[in-house]
Amino acid sequence: MVLTSGQTSDYIGARVLLRSLPTARTLLADRGYDANWFRKALTERHIQPCIPSRKCRKVPIPHDPSLYRQRHRIENAFARLKDWRRIATRYDRCPDLFLSACALAAIVMFWL
């Protein structure tokens, strides 16, 4: 888990995580991660990107819609994280404490 500032774009924040990605066949992401350099970096690591194209692309890049539907599980996990009031309202000003609270909530969610 990596915490970025609120105004940071999704694919800029993904640059930080790119080196630490585990081996996988496919990466599911939303339109915010649609960037040519990100797709190229994933294919160099032999990871197939399943990212819908942004609406402003002149030539849309196809993706697997049936596989992309599985992304609802990721969204559900974030929704469950926001059930924790401390995380939803971001009581912790220090980024380290906030990230620790997120990690603790994720651990508890995993076991429940």
Protein backbone atom coordinates (compact mmCIF):
# COMPACT_ATOMS: atom_id res chain seq x y z
CA MET A 1 0.00 0.00 0.00
CA VAL A 2 1.23 3.44 -0.91
CA LEU A 3 -0.35 6.71 0.12
CA THR A 4 -0.19 9.66 -2.30
CA SER A 5 -1.49 13.18 -1.94
CA GLY A 6 -5.10 13.82 -2.88
CA GLN A 7 -4.36 15.82 -6.02
CA THR A 8 -1.99 13.21 -7.48
CA SER A 9 -3.22 11.53 -10.65
CA ASP A 10 -3.84 7.78 -10.51
CA TYR A 11 -1.27 6.78 -13.08
CA ILE A 12 1.40 9.02 -11.49
CA GLY A 13 0.83 7.20 -8.20
CA ALA A 14 1.07 3.90 -10.06
CA ARG A 15 4.62 4.77 -11.10
CA VAL A 16 5.67 4.35 -7.47
CA LEU A 17 4.08 0.89 -7.26
CA LEU A 18 5.28 -0.36 -10.64
CA ARG A 19 8.60 -1.70 -9.37
CA SER A 20 6.99 -3.59 -6.50
CA LEU A 21 4.21 -5.28 -8.49
CA PRO A 22 4.12 -9.04 -7.96
CA THR A 23 4.12 -11.40 -10.91
CA ALA A 24 0.65 -11.54 -12.39
CA ARG A 25 -1.04 -12.31 -15.68
CA THR A 26 -3.43 -9.34 -15.74
CA LEU A 27 -3.80 -5.96 -14.06
CA LEU A 28 -7.35 -4.63 -13.64
CA ALA A 29 -7.57 -0.84 -13.41
CA ASP A 30 -10.00 1.95 -14.18
CA ARG A 31 -9.70 4.69 -16.80
CA GLY A 32 -7.49 6.77 -14.52
CA TYR A 33 -4.61 4.42 -15.24
CA ASP A 34 -4.89 4.67 -19.03
CA ALA A 35 -1.49 5.94 -20.14
CA ASN A 36 0.72 4.63 -22.93
CA TRP A 37 3.85 4.50 -20.75
CA PHE A 38 1.97 2.53 -18.07
CA ARG A 39 0.62 0.00 -20.58
CA LYS A 40 4.10 -0.39 -22.07
CA ALA A 41 5.69 -0.91 -18.64
CA LEU A 42 3.13 -3.59 -17.82
CA THR A 43 3.66 -5.47 -21.08
CA GLU A 44 7.44 -5.35 -20.52
CA ARG A 45 6.80 -7.17 -17.24
CA HIS A 46 4.57 -9.68 -19.10
CA ILE A 47 1.41 -8.34 -17.43
CA GLN A 48 -1.62 -7.87 -19.65
CA PRO A 49 -3.39 -4.57 -18.85
CA CYS A 50 -7.19 -4.70 -18.63
CA ILE A 51 -7.77 -0.95 -18.61
CA PRO A 52 -10.59 0.75 -20.50
CA SER A 53 -9.48 3.63 -22.71
CA ARG A 54 -10.14 7.20 -21.72
CA LYS A 55 -12.94 8.85 -23.62
CA CYS A 56 -10.55 11.39 -25.14
CA ARG A 57 -8.50 8.74 -27.00
CA LYS A 58 -8.91 8.99 -30.75
CA VAL A 59 -8.32 5.25 -31.22
CA PRO A 60 -9.69 3.28 -28.24
CA ILE A 61 -7.61 0.38 -26.98
CA PRO A 62 -9.74 -2.75 -26.55
CA HIS A 63 -10.03 -4.54 -23.20
CA ASP A 64 -11.82 -7.66 -21.97
CA PRO A 65 -15.19 -6.45 -20.57
CA SER A 66 -16.00 -9.75 -18.85
CA LEU A 67 -12.69 -9.69 -16.99
CA TYR A 68 -13.09 -6.00 -16.19
CA ARG A 69 -16.39 -6.76 -14.42
CA GLN A 70 -14.36 -8.55 -11.74
CA ARG A 71 -13.05 -5.14 -10.65
CA HIS A 72 -16.19 -4.69 -8.55
CA ARG A 73 -14.44 -6.76 -5.88
CA ILE A 74 -11.74 -4.12 -5.61
CA GLU A 75 -14.35 -1.37 -5.33
CA ASN A 76 -16.17 -3.38 -2.65
CA ALA A 77 -12.95 -3.60 -0.63
CA PHE A 78 -12.55 0.18 -0.72
CA ALA A 79 -16.19 0.61 0.26
CA ARG A 80 -15.64 -1.67 3.26
CA LEU A 81 -12.55 0.35 4.23
CA LYS A 82 -14.67 3.48 4.26
CA ASP A 83 -17.03 1.84 6.77
CA TRP A 84 -14.29 2.61 9.28
CA ARG A 85 -15.06 6.15 10.40
CA ARG A 86 -11.43 6.96 11.16
CA ILE A 87 -10.47 6.16 7.56
CA ALA A 88 -13.51 7.72 5.86
CA THR A 89 -13.04 11.07 7.60
CA ARG A 90 -9.23 10.87 7.73
CA TYR A 91 -8.79 11.78 11.38
CA ASP A 92 -5.06 11.13 11.23
CA ARG A 93 -3.09 14.07 9.86
CA CYS A 94 0.16 12.16 9.74
CA PRO A 95 0.35 10.02 6.57
CA ASP A 96 2.14 7.20 8.42
CA LEU A 97 -0.64 6.92 11.00
CA PHE A 98 -3.33 7.03 8.32
CA LEU A 99 -1.62 4.30 6.30
CA SER A 100 -1.24 2.22 9.46
CA ALA A 101 -4.97 2.61 10.19
CA CYS A 102 -5.75 1.50 6.62
CA ALA A 103 -3.48 -1.54 7.00
CA LEU A 104 -5.06 -2.46 10.34
CA ALA A 105 -8.57 -2.14 8.89
CA ALA A 106 -7.58 -4.27 5.88
CA ILE A 107 -6.24 -6.99 8.20
CA VAL A 108 -9.42 -7.02 10.26
CA MET A 109 -11.55 -7.08 7.08
CA PHE A 110 -9.56 -10.04 5.81
CA TRP A 111 -10.26 -12.08 8.92
CA LEU A 112 -13.95 -11.17 9.19
